[in-house]
Amino acid sequence: MNTWLAIGLIFAALIIGAVIGFFVARKIIKDQLEKNPPINENMIRAMMTSMGRTPSEKQVRQVMQSMKQAK
């Protein structure tokens, strides 16, 4: 009976550890994405320039706002 109890405790600890690890990793990734967004205004300017357009500040801000709303 003691072996079944030990096996049950091991599985319970693994499941609890996996759940806690998932939520901790999720929080860390969210914080990293807020601090270092995947795209910024300079990247938008470079993209528009490479397409042959000269972006105005208004256009860059509009693209950033549309990206924030898409989240």
N, C-alpha and C. Protein backbone atom coordinates (compact mmCIF):
# COMPACT_ATOMS: atom_id res chain seq x y z
N MET A 1 0.82 -1.19 0.00
CA MET A 1 0.00 0.00 0.00
C MET A 1 0.87 1.27 0.00
N ASN A 2 2.02 1.18 0.65
CA ASN A 2 2.91 2.33 0.70
C ASN A 2 3.47 2.67 -0.68
N THR A 3 3.67 1.68 -1.53
CA THR A 3 4.20 1.97 -2.86
C THR A 3 3.17 2.72 -3.70
N TRP A 4 1.89 2.34 -3.56
CA TRP A 4 0.85 3.06 -4.31
C TRP A 4 0.73 4.50 -3.83
N LEU A 5 0.90 4.71 -2.55
CA LEU A 5 0.86 6.06 -2.00
C LEU A 5 2.04 6.87 -2.54
N ALA A 6 3.21 6.27 -2.59
CA ALA A 6 4.39 6.97 -3.11
C ALA A 6 4.22 7.30 -4.59
N ILE A 7 3.72 6.35 -5.36
CA ILE A 7 3.49 6.59 -6.79
C ILE A 7 2.46 7.70 -6.98
N GLY A 8 1.40 7.68 -6.20
CA GLY A 8 0.37 8.72 -6.29
C GLY A 8 0.92 10.09 -5.94
N LEU A 9 1.74 10.15 -4.91
CA LEU A 9 2.33 11.44 -4.52
C LEU A 9 3.29 11.96 -5.59
N ILE A 10 4.03 11.06 -6.21
CA ILE A 10 4.95 11.47 -7.27
C ILE A 10 4.16 12.05 -8.45
N PHE A 11 3.09 11.36 -8.88
CA PHE A 11 2.29 11.88 -9.98
C PHE A 11 1.61 13.19 -9.62
N ALA A 12 1.13 13.31 -8.38
CA ALA A 12 0.50 14.56 -7.95
C ALA A 12 1.51 15.70 -7.97
N ALA A 13 2.72 15.44 -7.50
CA ALA A 13 3.76 16.47 -7.50
C ALA A 13 4.13 16.87 -8.92
N LEU A 14 4.20 15.91 -9.83
CA LEU A 14 4.51 16.22 -11.23
C LEU A 14 3.42 17.08 -11.87
N ILE A 15 2.18 16.75 -11.61
CA ILE A 15 1.06 17.51 -12.19
C ILE A 15 1.03 18.92 -11.61
N ILE A 16 1.18 19.04 -10.30
CA ILE A 16 1.18 20.36 -9.67
C ILE A 16 2.36 21.19 -10.18
N GLY A 17 3.52 20.59 -10.30
CA GLY A 17 4.69 21.30 -10.82
C GLY A 17 4.50 21.77 -12.25
N ALA A 18 3.87 20.93 -13.07
CA ALA A 18 3.63 21.31 -14.47
C ALA A 18 2.66 22.48 -14.55
N VAL A 19 1.62 22.46 -13.73
CA VAL A 19 0.64 23.56 -13.75
C VAL A 19 1.29 24.86 -13.27
N ILE A 20 2.02 24.79 -12.19
CA ILE A 20 2.69 25.99 -11.67
C ILE A 20 3.73 26.50 -12.69
N GLY A 21 4.48 25.60 -13.28
CA GLY A 21 5.47 25.99 -14.28
C GLY A 21 4.85 26.66 -15.49
N PHE A 22 3.69 26.16 -15.91
CA PHE A 22 2.99 26.75 -17.05
C PHE A 22 2.62 28.20 -16.76
N PHE A 23 2.02 28.45 -15.59
CA PHE A 23 1.59 29.81 -15.27
C PHE A 23 2.77 30.75 -15.04
N VAL A 24 3.84 30.27 -14.45
CA VAL A 24 5.02 31.11 -14.24
C VAL A 24 5.65 31.47 -15.59
N ALA A 25 5.79 30.49 -16.48
CA ALA A 25 6.36 30.75 -17.81
C ALA A 25 5.48 31.71 -18.60
N ARG A 26 4.17 31.55 -18.49
CA ARG A 26 3.24 32.44 -19.19
C ARG A 26 3.40 33.88 -18.71
N LYS A 27 3.51 34.09 -17.40
CA LYS A 27 3.67 35.43 -16.85
C LYS A 27 5.00 36.04 -17.30
N ILE A 28 6.07 35.26 -17.28
CA ILE A 28 7.39 35.76 -17.69
C ILE A 28 7.36 36.18 -19.15
N ILE A 29 6.75 35.38 -20.01
CA ILE A 29 6.69 35.70 -21.44
C ILE A 29 5.85 36.95 -21.67
N LYS A 30 4.73 37.09 -20.97
CA LYS A 30 3.92 38.31 -21.12
C LYS A 30 4.70 39.54 -20.71
N ASP A 31 5.41 39.46 -19.59
CA ASP A 31 6.22 40.60 -19.14
C ASP A 31 7.30 40.95 -20.15
N GLN A 32 7.96 39.94 -20.71
CA GLN A 32 9.01 40.19 -21.70
C GLN A 32 8.44 40.84 -22.96
N LEU A 33 7.26 40.41 -23.39
CA LEU A 33 6.67 41.00 -24.59
C LEU A 33 6.22 42.44 -24.35
N GLU A 34 5.80 42.76 -23.13
CA GLU A 34 5.44 44.15 -22.83
C GLU A 34 6.68 45.03 -22.80
N LYS A 35 7.77 44.52 -22.24
CA LYS A 35 9.00 45.31 -22.16
C LYS A 35 9.68 45.42 -23.52
N ASN A 36 9.64 44.36 -24.31
CA ASN A 36 10.30 44.32 -25.62
C ASN A 36 9.28 43.91 -26.67
N PRO A 37 8.49 44.86 -27.14
CA PRO A 37 7.47 44.48 -28.14
C PRO A 37 8.13 43.94 -29.41
N PRO A 38 7.45 43.05 -30.09
CA PRO A 38 8.05 42.43 -31.27
C PRO A 38 8.27 43.41 -32.42
N ILE A 39 7.56 44.52 -32.45
CA ILE A 39 7.76 45.51 -33.51
C ILE A 39 7.63 46.89 -32.90
N ASN A 40 8.45 47.82 -33.36
CA ASN A 40 8.38 49.18 -32.84
C ASN A 40 8.30 50.17 -33.99
N GLU A 41 8.29 51.45 -33.65
CA GLU A 41 8.11 52.49 -34.67
C GLU A 41 9.25 52.51 -35.68
N ASN A 42 10.46 52.27 -35.22
CA ASN A 42 11.59 52.27 -36.16
C ASN A 42 11.47 51.15 -37.18
N MET A 43 10.98 50.01 -36.75
CA MET A 43 10.79 48.90 -37.68
C MET A 43 9.71 49.23 -38.71
N ILE A 44 8.66 49.92 -38.28
CA ILE A 44 7.59 50.30 -39.21
C ILE A 44 8.13 51.30 -40.23
N ARG A 45 8.92 52.26 -39.77
CA ARG A 45 9.52 53.24 -40.69
C ARG A 45 10.41 52.54 -41.71
N ALA A 46 11.22 51.61 -41.25
CA ALA A 46 12.11 50.89 -42.15
C ALA A 46 11.31 50.07 -43.17
N MET A 47 10.23 49.46 -42.72
CA MET A 47 9.40 48.66 -43.62
C MET A 47 8.76 49.55 -44.70
N MET A 48 8.21 50.70 -44.27
CA MET A 48 7.59 51.60 -45.25
C MET A 48 8.63 52.16 -46.21
N THR A 49 9.81 52.47 -45.71
CA THR A 49 10.87 52.99 -46.57
C THR A 49 11.31 51.94 -47.58
N SER A 50 11.39 50.69 -47.14
CA SER A 50 11.80 49.63 -48.07
C SER A 50 10.75 49.38 -49.14
N MET A 51 9.50 49.74 -48.84
CA MET A 51 8.43 49.59 -49.85
C MET A 51 8.37 50.80 -50.77
N GLY A 52 9.25 51.77 -50.55
CA GLY A 52 9.29 52.92 -51.44
C GLY A 52 8.42 54.08 -50.98
N ARG A 53 7.96 54.05 -49.75
CA ARG A 53 7.14 55.14 -49.23
C ARG A 53 7.94 55.92 -48.21
N THR A 54 7.68 57.21 -48.13
CA THR A 54 8.27 58.03 -47.08
C THR A 54 7.20 58.21 -46.02
N PRO A 55 7.32 57.53 -44.89
CA PRO A 55 6.24 57.57 -43.90
C PRO A 55 6.24 58.86 -43.11
N SER A 56 5.06 59.38 -42.87
CA SER A 56 4.94 60.52 -41.97
C SER A 56 4.76 59.99 -40.55
N GLU A 57 4.94 60.86 -39.59
CA GLU A 57 4.79 60.45 -38.19
C GLU A 57 3.35 59.99 -37.91
N LYS A 58 2.40 60.63 -38.56
CA LYS A 58 0.99 60.26 -38.38
C LYS A 58 0.74 58.84 -38.88
N GLN A 59 1.30 58.49 -40.02
CA GLN A 59 1.12 57.15 -40.56
C GLN A 59 1.73 56.10 -39.65
N VAL A 60 2.91 56.40 -39.11
CA VAL A 60 3.57 55.45 -38.22
C VAL A 60 2.74 55.24 -36.97
N ARG A 61 2.22 56.32 -36.40
CA ARG A 61 1.39 56.20 -35.20
C ARG A 61 0.09 55.45 -35.48
N GLN A 62 -0.50 55.66 -36.66
CA GLN A 62 -1.71 54.94 -37.02
C GLN A 62 -1.45 53.44 -37.11
N VAL A 63 -0.32 53.06 -37.69
CA VAL A 63 0.02 51.63 -37.78
C VAL A 63 0.24 51.05 -36.39
N MET A 64 0.92 51.79 -35.51
CA MET A 64 1.14 51.30 -34.15
C MET A 64 -0.19 51.15 -33.41
N GLN A 65 -1.09 52.11 -33.55
CA GLN A 65 -2.40 52.02 -32.89
C GLN A 65 -3.19 50.82 -33.42
N SER A 66 -3.15 50.59 -34.72
CA SER A 66 -3.90 49.46 -35.27
C SER A 66 -3.31 48.14 -34.78
N MET A 67 -1.99 48.09 -34.58
CA MET A 67 -1.38 46.87 -34.07
C MET A 67 -1.75 46.63 -32.61
N LYS A 68 -1.82 47.71 -31.82
CA LYS A 68 -2.21 47.57 -30.42
C LYS A 68 -3.66 47.12 -30.30
N GLN A 69 -4.53 47.63 -31.18
CA GLN A 69 -5.94 47.24 -31.14
C GLN A 69 -6.13 45.80 -31.59
N ALA A 70 -5.25 45.33 -32.44
CA ALA A 70 -5.37 43.95 -32.94
C ALA A 70 -5.03 42.93 -31.86
N LYS A 71 -4.31 43.35 -30.84
CA LYS A 71 -3.98 42.43 -29.75
C LYS A 71 -5.25 42.05 -29.06
